[in-house]
Amino acid sequence: MPYSRANSILSQLQDKEFDALAPHIQLVSLEKGDILFEPGRSIRHYFFPVSCAVELAIDLEDGNAGATTFINMNSVYPLHLIGETESHNRATVSCPGLCYRIPAQVIHDELQKSRGFLWILLKESVKLFEQACLESVCLRHHTLEQVTAKLILLSTDNTRTSTVHATHREMANSLGVRREGVTMALQKLKAEQCITTSRGGVQVLDRAGLEGRACGCYKALVELRKNDTCGQPQQ
């Protein structure tokens, strides 16, 4: 049987609720760059990350794109499309790893039966909305060096390592900015000995120093992503 506590959402389920899902849970390995959903694509599964991270992005008509939020072991995708049949975002694996996958129909059926499961997902949807709102304001009010430091910190939190396997272009796409701007920001952080860079990667040398260079939104996001201690409604 899958280990429910490997994902925060599944870990909050009561035994009865988890047992109803367990026969349908499949553990899959996802690689960086794997596309889980694209606009207009039918929703067939829900993904509960264990050691991977998924980047949600919106593609614009001019060909540019920008990340709206990240989904990791604390969440589930596509939470914002509960009850829908098609995705409106592009979801790409940004950090490789393991993930639980459950058929969409199984999730929908269980939500009809379990107020507890529905309550957990409602709380998580509020968190994701607040996270997306914070991210949208952050880039407009903080320097590129600050938001780049924040991105590195969040990426290492997702992988639980001190290394980010991403090119300057990939980081720029995530932030919705020019690659040259990210390169300059990384050079400043490197000069301050917070990080070192290599081809296609960033290594954190001084995490405390990097946190000091990041905007306050990083700590706000960490606090937001902590497990909610509020109880479930009575069944």
Protein backbone atom coordinates (compact mmCIF):
# COMPACT_ATOMS: atom_id res chain seq x y z
CA MET A 1 0.00 0.00 0.00
CA PRO A 2 1.31 3.52 -0.79
CA TYR A 3 2.78 5.50 2.07
CA SER A 4 0.17 8.21 2.54
CA ARG A 5 2.33 10.63 4.53
CA ALA A 6 4.74 11.10 1.63
CA ASN A 7 2.32 13.73 0.33
CA SER A 8 0.81 16.34 2.64
CA ILE A 9 -2.69 16.19 1.15
CA LEU A 10 -2.92 12.40 1.38
CA SER A 11 -1.44 12.47 4.88
CA GLN A 12 -4.37 14.56 6.12
CA LEU A 13 -6.97 12.01 5.06
CA GLN A 14 -8.72 9.84 7.61
CA ASP A 15 -8.02 6.10 7.29
CA LYS A 16 -11.44 5.46 5.72
CA GLU A 17 -10.89 8.17 3.12
CA PHE A 18 -7.39 7.02 2.26
CA ASP A 19 -8.43 3.36 2.06
CA ALA A 20 -11.01 4.31 -0.58
CA LEU A 21 -8.27 5.85 -2.73
CA ALA A 22 -5.45 3.38 -2.03
CA PRO A 23 -6.41 0.71 -4.61
CA HIS A 24 -6.27 3.34 -7.35
CA ILE A 25 -2.99 5.04 -6.36
CA GLN A 26 -0.06 4.54 -8.71
CA LEU A 27 3.48 5.66 -7.89
CA VAL A 28 5.15 7.10 -11.00
CA SER A 29 8.57 8.58 -11.72
CA LEU A 30 8.58 11.94 -13.49
CA GLU A 31 11.49 13.51 -15.35
CA LYS A 32 12.32 17.18 -15.66
CA GLY A 33 10.49 18.63 -18.63
CA ASP A 34 7.65 16.11 -18.60
CA ILE A 35 4.40 17.87 -19.48
CA LEU A 36 1.45 16.73 -17.39
CA PHE A 37 -1.16 19.04 -18.85
CA GLU A 38 -1.53 21.50 -21.69
CA PRO A 39 -4.37 23.90 -22.47
CA GLY A 40 -7.33 21.99 -23.87
CA ARG A 41 -6.01 18.62 -22.77
CA SER A 42 -8.47 16.30 -21.02
CA ILE A 43 -7.95 15.75 -17.30
CA ARG A 44 -7.53 12.03 -16.67
CA HIS A 45 -5.44 11.96 -13.49
CA TYR A 46 -4.65 13.99 -10.39
CA PHE A 47 -1.01 14.15 -9.32
CA PHE A 48 0.17 14.16 -5.69
CA PRO A 49 3.93 14.98 -5.70
CA VAL A 50 6.25 13.09 -3.36
CA SER A 51 9.75 14.20 -4.34
CA CYS A 52 9.10 16.11 -7.56
CA ALA A 53 7.82 19.63 -8.24
CA VAL A 54 5.47 20.85 -10.94
CA GLU A 55 5.49 24.35 -12.42
CA LEU A 56 2.19 25.82 -13.57
CA ALA A 57 2.51 28.37 -16.36
CA ILE A 58 0.35 30.42 -18.66
CA ASP A 59 1.31 30.73 -22.33
CA LEU A 60 0.62 34.12 -23.90
CA GLU A 61 -0.34 34.85 -27.50
CA ASP A 62 3.08 36.39 -28.24
CA GLY A 63 4.81 33.14 -27.34
CA ASN A 64 6.03 34.24 -23.93
CA ALA A 65 5.17 32.35 -20.77
CA GLY A 66 5.40 32.78 -17.03
CA ALA A 67 5.00 30.55 -14.02
CA THR A 68 1.99 31.18 -11.82
CA THR A 69 2.88 28.83 -8.98
CA PHE A 70 4.67 25.60 -8.05
CA ILE A 71 3.17 22.35 -6.79
CA ASN A 72 5.26 20.09 -4.55
CA MET A 73 4.75 17.43 -1.87
CA ASN A 74 2.49 19.83 0.05
CA SER A 75 -0.14 19.95 -2.65
CA VAL A 76 -1.98 18.31 -5.56
CA TYR A 77 -2.51 19.10 -9.24
CA PRO A 78 -4.88 20.10 -10.85
CA LEU A 79 -6.60 21.26 -7.68
CA HIS A 80 -7.99 24.41 -9.31
CA LEU A 81 -9.82 22.28 -11.89
CA ILE A 82 -11.86 20.08 -9.56
CA GLY A 83 -14.92 19.04 -11.53
CA GLU A 84 -13.56 20.38 -14.84
CA THR A 85 -12.75 18.21 -17.84
CA GLU A 86 -9.95 20.22 -19.48
CA SER A 87 -6.83 22.06 -18.30
CA HIS A 88 -6.34 25.76 -18.98
CA ASN A 89 -2.68 25.87 -17.89
CA ARG A 90 0.51 24.14 -18.87
CA ALA A 91 1.97 21.97 -16.11
CA THR A 92 5.62 20.97 -16.49
CA VAL A 93 7.82 18.97 -14.14
CA SER A 94 10.51 21.39 -12.92
CA CYS A 95 12.18 19.02 -10.45
CA PRO A 96 12.29 15.28 -11.25
CA GLY A 97 11.13 12.72 -8.72
CA LEU A 98 8.27 10.50 -7.60
CA CYS A 99 4.59 11.28 -7.65
CA TYR A 100 1.32 9.54 -6.79
CA ARG A 101 -1.22 9.45 -9.61
CA ILE A 102 -4.94 8.82 -9.14
CA PRO A 103 -7.64 8.67 -11.87
CA ALA A 104 -9.73 11.85 -11.99
CA GLN A 105 -13.01 9.97 -11.79
CA VAL A 106 -11.92 8.30 -8.54
CA ILE A 107 -11.15 11.71 -7.03
CA HIS A 108 -14.48 13.14 -8.17
CA ASP A 109 -16.41 10.16 -6.81
CA GLU A 110 -14.71 10.35 -3.41
CA LEU A 111 -15.38 14.09 -3.15
CA GLN A 112 -19.08 13.31 -3.50
CA LYS A 113 -18.86 11.00 -0.48
CA SER A 114 -16.35 12.64 1.85
CA ARG A 115 -16.79 16.09 3.40
CA GLY A 116 -13.39 15.65 5.05
CA PHE A 117 -11.59 15.19 1.72
CA LEU A 118 -13.48 18.13 0.22
CA TRP A 119 -12.56 20.32 3.20
CA ILE A 120 -8.86 19.49 2.81
CA LEU A 121 -8.91 20.44 -0.87
CA LEU A 122 -10.85 23.63 -0.20
CA LYS A 123 -8.21 24.74 2.33
CA GLU A 124 -5.46 23.87 -0.14
CA SER A 125 -7.16 25.82 -2.94
CA VAL A 126 -7.17 28.92 -0.70
CA LYS A 127 -3.45 28.48 -0.06
CA LEU A 128 -2.69 28.18 -3.78
CA PHE A 129 -4.78 31.27 -4.54
CA GLU A 130 -2.93 33.27 -1.88
CA GLN A 131 0.39 31.96 -3.17
CA ALA A 132 -0.39 32.99 -6.75
CA CYS A 133 -1.53 36.45 -5.59
CA LEU A 134 1.68 36.96 -3.62
CA GLU A 135 3.82 35.89 -6.55
CA SER A 136 2.01 38.23 -8.94
CA VAL A 137 2.67 41.24 -6.69
CA CYS A 138 6.23 40.24 -5.78
CA LEU A 139 7.84 40.71 -9.17
CA ARG A 140 6.34 44.17 -9.58
CA HIS A 141 7.71 45.50 -6.31
CA HIS A 142 11.02 43.71 -5.70
CA THR A 143 14.33 43.71 -7.52
CA LEU A 144 15.28 40.93 -9.90
CA GLU A 145 18.11 39.94 -7.55
CA GLN A 146 15.61 39.48 -4.72
CA VAL A 147 13.15 37.40 -6.73
CA THR A 148 15.96 35.33 -8.25
CA ALA A 149 17.23 34.53 -4.75
CA LYS A 150 13.67 33.62 -3.77
CA LEU A 151 13.34 31.30 -6.79
CA ILE A 152 16.57 29.51 -5.91
CA LEU A 153 15.46 29.04 -2.31
CA LEU A 154 12.04 27.71 -3.31
CA SER A 155 13.64 25.36 -5.84
CA THR A 156 16.00 23.91 -3.25
CA ASP A 157 13.07 23.53 -0.85
CA ASN A 158 11.25 21.51 -3.50
CA THR A 159 14.18 19.17 -4.12
CA ARG A 160 15.41 19.22 -0.51
CA THR A 161 18.96 19.68 -1.79
CA SER A 162 21.33 22.63 -2.17
CA THR A 163 21.38 22.44 -5.98
CA VAL A 164 19.07 23.88 -8.61
CA HIS A 165 19.25 22.14 -11.97
CA ALA A 166 18.00 24.92 -14.22
CA THR A 167 19.51 27.08 -16.94
CA HIS A 168 19.40 30.87 -16.93
CA ARG A 169 16.75 30.66 -19.66
CA GLU A 170 14.57 28.31 -17.62
CA MET A 171 14.81 30.54 -14.56
CA ALA A 172 13.96 33.58 -16.67
CA ASN A 173 10.94 31.81 -18.14
CA SER A 174 9.74 30.91 -14.64
CA LEU A 175 9.95 34.55 -13.59
CA GLY A 176 8.67 35.96 -16.88
CA VAL A 177 11.75 38.16 -17.38
CA ARG A 178 14.68 38.43 -19.80
CA ARG A 179 17.48 35.88 -19.52
CA GLU A 180 20.07 38.66 -19.35
CA GLY A 181 18.45 40.02 -16.21
CA VAL A 182 18.64 36.66 -14.45
CA THR A 183 22.29 36.28 -15.52
CA MET A 184 23.14 39.65 -13.93
CA ALA A 185 21.26 38.76 -10.75
CA LEU A 186 23.10 35.45 -10.48
CA GLN A 187 26.43 37.21 -10.99
CA LYS A 188 25.65 39.52 -8.05
CA LEU A 189 24.68 36.60 -5.81
CA LYS A 190 27.83 34.77 -6.89
CA ALA A 191 30.00 37.82 -6.12
CA GLU A 192 28.46 37.88 -2.63
CA GLN A 193 29.46 34.18 -2.30
CA CYS A 194 25.88 33.08 -1.73
CA ILE A 195 25.96 30.72 -4.71
CA THR A 196 28.20 29.24 -7.35
CA THR A 197 27.08 28.51 -10.88
CA SER A 198 27.87 25.87 -13.45
CA ARG A 199 26.46 24.93 -16.83
CA GLY A 200 22.78 24.29 -16.24
CA GLY A 201 22.89 24.56 -12.46
CA VAL A 202 23.19 26.69 -9.31
CA GLN A 203 24.76 25.51 -6.06
CA VAL A 204 23.85 27.27 -2.81
CA LEU A 205 26.94 28.01 -0.71
CA ASP A 206 25.51 30.32 1.97
CA ARG A 207 21.80 29.69 2.55
CA ALA A 208 21.50 32.25 5.34
CA GLY A 209 23.14 34.84 3.12
CA LEU A 210 20.85 33.95 0.24
CA GLU A 211 17.79 34.28 2.48
CA GLY A 212 19.07 37.72 3.44
CA ARG A 213 19.21 38.71 -0.25
CA ALA A 214 15.73 37.38 -1.01
CA CYS A 215 12.62 39.48 -0.57
CA GLY A 216 10.32 38.93 2.39
CA CYS A 217 7.94 37.04 0.11
CA TYR A 218 10.10 33.93 0.51
CA LYS A 219 9.42 33.67 4.23
CA ALA A 220 5.76 34.54 3.61
CA LEU A 221 5.48 31.66 1.11
CA VAL A 222 7.19 29.24 3.50
CA GLU A 223 4.76 30.20 6.23
CA LEU A 224 1.85 29.85 3.83
CA ARG A 225 2.94 26.37 2.78
CA LYS A 226 3.07 25.03 6.32
CA ASN A 227 0.44 22.41 7.05
CA ASP A 228 -2.83 23.89 8.20
CA THR A 229 -3.58 22.87 11.76
CA CYS A 230 -7.27 23.70 11.53
CA GLY A 231 -9.51 20.71 12.06
CA GLN A 232 -11.90 19.23 9.57
CA PRO A 233 -15.63 19.84 9.77
CA GLN A 234 -17.73 17.23 11.48
CA GLN A 235 -18.82 14.38 9.26
